[in-house]
Amino acid sequence: MEYFFILIRKACVFGLIFLILDHSRFCAAENRYSFTFYIGQITHGEVASPFSQNIRFLDGYIFVGAWAWTMRNFLNGALSVELEGQVGKYFNDQKNWEINLALAARWRKFPWQEKINTSVAWGIGPSYASEVPPIEVGINGASRQMLIYWFAEATLGPPKSSWSWVLRIHHRSPGFGLFGTEGGANILSSGLKFYF
């Protein structure tokens, strides 16, 4: 737990320094922030299993609130780098809280952008669970409170609107041995993203 809070403090200090050094760019930009609410259900299997015909849903759900800050835009706004913090609460067969901090890249330029506002994103960072998640133990034989979190996301919405529908894979894992060898789960989720 202490390690997680050290990471959060370092990210906050880095973000504050970044903001101070490049204040004019951030003040002039539009929609630098977003807030996403989503709900998802834990699935059993490999990362690709949420998209297979043999998907198996387990009796564990998560509700997440995620705040994101667009740190930088590249390629005339086509690509951006975001920092996202999340708080999630599980219910039914798993009842723990989860805190995630992810650095993400988002692509926003598609040929149909004027008709359907679309983006895709992928992010990664640390994940802390308030207790060892029991469904993760049931799937893997063991798990840990601290794991790696990553997400893959697609958004669709009306053109030039302040909201989008979100489809997201919410994934916790030991990160190829970085945090052990067992643990984690995949969650197929959906929700809404609001830009401001």
Protein backbone atom coordinates (compact mmCIF):
# COMPACT_ATOMS: atom_id res chain seq x y z
CA MET A 1 0.00 0.00 0.00
CA GLU A 2 2.81 2.39 0.90
CA TYR A 3 4.48 1.77 -2.49
CA PHE A 4 1.23 2.67 -4.28
CA PHE A 5 0.93 6.00 -2.43
CA ILE A 6 4.58 6.81 -3.21
CA LEU A 7 3.76 6.28 -6.92
CA ILE A 8 0.70 8.54 -6.63
CA ARG A 9 2.73 11.27 -4.91
CA LYS A 10 5.42 11.12 -7.59
CA ALA A 11 2.80 11.29 -10.36
CA CYS A 12 1.15 14.31 -8.68
CA VAL A 13 4.48 16.12 -8.26
CA PHE A 14 5.44 15.38 -11.87
CA GLY A 15 2.02 16.55 -13.08
CA LEU A 16 2.23 19.79 -11.07
CA ILE A 17 5.72 20.57 -12.41
CA PHE A 18 4.54 19.78 -15.94
CA LEU A 19 1.54 22.10 -15.51
CA ILE A 20 3.63 24.97 -14.13
CA LEU A 21 6.25 24.72 -16.89
CA ASP A 22 3.68 24.62 -19.70
CA HIS A 23 0.82 26.65 -18.17
CA SER A 24 -0.13 28.65 -21.27
CA ARG A 25 -0.67 25.52 -23.40
CA PHE A 26 -3.01 24.00 -20.85
CA CYS A 27 -5.04 27.16 -20.27
CA ALA A 28 -5.73 27.57 -23.98
CA ALA A 29 -6.72 23.99 -24.67
CA GLU A 30 -10.30 22.73 -24.78
CA ASN A 31 -11.62 19.53 -23.22
CA ARG A 32 -8.45 18.74 -21.32
CA TYR A 33 -10.38 16.62 -18.83
CA SER A 34 -12.87 13.80 -18.93
CA PHE A 35 -14.85 11.83 -16.41
CA THR A 36 -15.96 8.27 -17.18
CA PHE A 37 -18.50 6.14 -15.36
CA TYR A 38 -18.64 2.51 -16.33
CA ILE A 39 -19.90 -0.82 -15.05
CA GLY A 40 -18.50 -4.19 -15.98
CA GLN A 41 -18.71 -7.90 -15.33
CA ILE A 42 -15.75 -10.18 -14.66
CA THR A 43 -15.09 -12.75 -17.38
CA HIS A 44 -13.15 -16.01 -17.24
CA GLY A 45 -10.36 -16.73 -19.69
CA GLU A 46 -7.58 -15.01 -21.57
CA VAL A 47 -7.48 -11.31 -22.50
CA ALA A 48 -9.12 -11.97 -25.88
CA SER A 49 -11.94 -14.02 -24.33
CA PRO A 50 -14.36 -11.06 -23.94
CA PHE A 51 -14.65 -11.09 -27.74
CA SER A 52 -14.93 -14.85 -28.24
CA GLN A 53 -18.13 -16.85 -28.63
CA ASN A 54 -17.25 -18.90 -25.55
CA ILE A 55 -17.31 -15.97 -23.15
CA ARG A 56 -18.06 -16.99 -19.57
CA PHE A 57 -19.31 -14.28 -17.22
CA LEU A 58 -18.74 -14.66 -13.49
CA ASP A 59 -20.90 -13.24 -10.70
CA GLY A 60 -18.65 -10.27 -9.98
CA TYR A 61 -19.26 -6.70 -11.12
CA ILE A 62 -17.41 -3.41 -10.83
CA PHE A 63 -18.61 0.18 -10.91
CA VAL A 64 -15.83 2.66 -11.75
CA GLY A 65 -15.45 6.42 -11.74
CA ALA A 66 -12.40 7.58 -13.71
CA TRP A 67 -11.00 11.10 -14.07
CA ALA A 68 -8.55 11.74 -16.92
CA TRP A 69 -6.30 14.68 -17.78
CA THR A 70 -5.03 15.13 -21.34
CA MET A 71 -1.37 15.98 -20.77
CA ARG A 72 -0.27 16.47 -24.39
CA ASN A 73 -1.64 16.44 -27.92
CA PHE A 74 0.37 15.38 -30.97
CA LEU A 75 -0.22 15.31 -34.73
CA ASN A 76 -2.74 18.18 -34.66
CA GLY A 77 -4.81 16.52 -31.94
CA ALA A 78 -4.96 13.08 -33.57
CA LEU A 79 -2.91 11.51 -30.77
CA SER A 80 -2.95 12.44 -27.10
CA VAL A 81 -1.34 11.27 -23.87
CA GLU A 82 -3.58 11.10 -20.80
CA LEU A 83 -3.21 10.41 -17.11
CA GLU A 84 -6.22 8.61 -15.65
CA GLY A 85 -7.05 7.90 -12.02
CA GLN A 86 -9.83 5.49 -11.09
CA VAL A 87 -11.76 4.32 -8.07
CA GLY A 88 -13.80 1.14 -8.47
CA LYS A 89 -16.10 -0.84 -6.21
CA TYR A 90 -16.87 -4.52 -6.78
CA PHE A 91 -20.13 -6.16 -5.78
CA ASN A 92 -21.80 -9.61 -5.65
CA ASP A 93 -19.14 -12.36 -5.26
CA GLN A 94 -16.31 -9.82 -4.93
CA LYS A 95 -16.69 -6.77 -2.69
CA ASN A 96 -13.29 -5.05 -2.56
CA TRP A 97 -12.38 -1.53 -3.66
CA GLU A 98 -9.82 -0.93 -6.42
CA ILE A 99 -7.64 2.10 -7.17
CA ASN A 100 -5.87 2.40 -10.54
CA LEU A 101 -3.56 4.99 -12.07
CA ALA A 102 -2.88 4.67 -15.80
CA LEU A 103 -0.86 6.52 -18.42
CA ALA A 104 -2.73 6.23 -21.72
CA ALA A 105 -2.43 7.03 -25.42
CA ARG A 106 -5.60 7.97 -27.34
CA TRP A 107 -6.16 8.16 -31.13
CA ARG A 108 -8.95 10.50 -32.32
CA LYS A 109 -8.72 10.83 -36.11
CA PHE A 110 -10.93 8.55 -38.20
CA PRO A 111 -12.46 9.11 -41.68
CA TRP A 112 -16.00 9.13 -40.21
CA GLN A 113 -15.16 11.58 -37.37
CA GLU A 114 -17.58 14.24 -38.66
CA LYS A 115 -20.48 11.76 -38.40
CA ILE A 116 -19.49 9.72 -35.32
CA ASN A 117 -17.02 11.09 -32.78
CA THR A 118 -14.70 8.11 -32.27
CA SER A 119 -11.56 7.40 -30.27
CA VAL A 120 -9.54 4.37 -29.21
CA ALA A 121 -7.19 4.27 -26.23
CA TRP A 122 -4.84 1.97 -24.37
CA GLY A 123 -3.43 2.67 -20.91
CA ILE A 124 -1.30 0.97 -18.27
CA GLY A 125 -0.29 1.53 -14.65
CA PRO A 126 -0.44 0.21 -11.09
CA SER A 127 -3.59 -1.28 -9.53
CA TYR A 128 -4.28 -1.68 -5.81
CA ALA A 129 -7.16 -3.74 -4.38
CA SER A 130 -8.31 -3.15 -0.79
CA GLU A 131 -8.08 -6.92 -0.21
CA VAL A 132 -6.94 -9.93 -2.23
CA PRO A 133 -9.79 -10.29 -4.77
CA PRO A 134 -11.55 -13.65 -4.22
CA ILE A 135 -12.68 -14.12 -7.83
CA GLU A 136 -9.11 -13.56 -9.03
CA VAL A 137 -8.02 -16.28 -6.57
CA GLY A 138 -10.77 -18.57 -7.90
CA ILE A 139 -9.64 -18.03 -11.50
CA ASN A 140 -5.87 -18.21 -10.95
CA GLY A 141 -5.34 -20.12 -7.70
CA ALA A 142 -3.80 -17.01 -6.09
CA SER A 143 -3.66 -13.24 -6.49
CA ARG A 144 -2.26 -10.10 -4.88
CA GLN A 145 -3.54 -6.72 -3.85
CA MET A 146 -0.98 -4.88 -5.99
CA LEU A 147 -0.97 -5.78 -9.69
CA ILE A 148 -0.63 -4.12 -13.09
CA TYR A 149 -3.74 -2.55 -14.60
CA TRP A 150 -4.29 -1.92 -18.29
CA PHE A 151 -7.30 -0.97 -20.34
CA ALA A 152 -8.31 -0.95 -23.98
CA GLU A 153 -11.15 1.42 -24.83
CA ALA A 154 -13.29 2.55 -27.76
CA THR A 155 -15.61 5.58 -27.58
CA LEU A 156 -18.48 6.54 -29.91
CA GLY A 157 -20.61 9.67 -29.71
CA PRO A 158 -22.35 12.45 -31.60
CA PRO A 159 -19.99 14.79 -33.47
CA LYS A 160 -18.62 17.71 -31.42
CA SER A 161 -20.55 16.59 -28.33
CA SER A 162 -19.42 16.65 -24.70
CA TRP A 163 -20.12 12.94 -24.13
CA SER A 164 -19.43 9.50 -25.64
CA TRP A 165 -20.45 5.89 -25.08
CA VAL A 166 -17.53 3.78 -23.82
CA LEU A 167 -16.69 0.12 -24.37
CA ARG A 168 -13.70 -0.94 -22.26
CA ILE A 169 -11.69 -4.00 -21.29
CA HIS A 170 -10.59 -3.50 -17.67
CA HIS A 171 -7.66 -5.84 -16.97
CA ARG A 172 -5.58 -6.68 -13.88
CA SER A 173 -2.59 -9.01 -14.07
CA PRO A 174 0.86 -9.67 -12.57
CA GLY A 175 2.44 -8.00 -15.62
CA PHE A 176 4.55 -10.86 -16.99
CA GLY A 177 6.12 -11.50 -13.58
CA LEU A 178 6.50 -7.91 -12.41
CA PHE A 179 4.07 -8.56 -9.53
CA GLY A 180 4.34 -12.33 -9.18
CA THR A 181 3.03 -15.04 -11.48
CA GLU A 182 -0.65 -15.43 -10.53
CA GLY A 183 -3.66 -13.19 -10.22
CA GLY A 184 -5.77 -10.83 -12.22
CA ALA A 185 -8.97 -10.84 -14.22
CA ASN A 186 -10.62 -9.39 -17.31
CA ILE A 187 -13.74 -7.25 -17.08
CA LEU A 188 -15.90 -6.35 -20.06
CA SER A 189 -17.46 -2.98 -19.33
CA SER A 190 -19.54 -0.18 -20.78
CA GLY A 191 -20.42 3.35 -19.70
CA LEU A 192 -20.35 7.04 -20.52
CA LYS A 193 -17.49 9.54 -20.85
CA PHE A 194 -18.04 13.28 -20.33
CA TYR A 195 -15.54 15.89 -21.59
CA PHE A 196 -14.91 19.28 -20.00
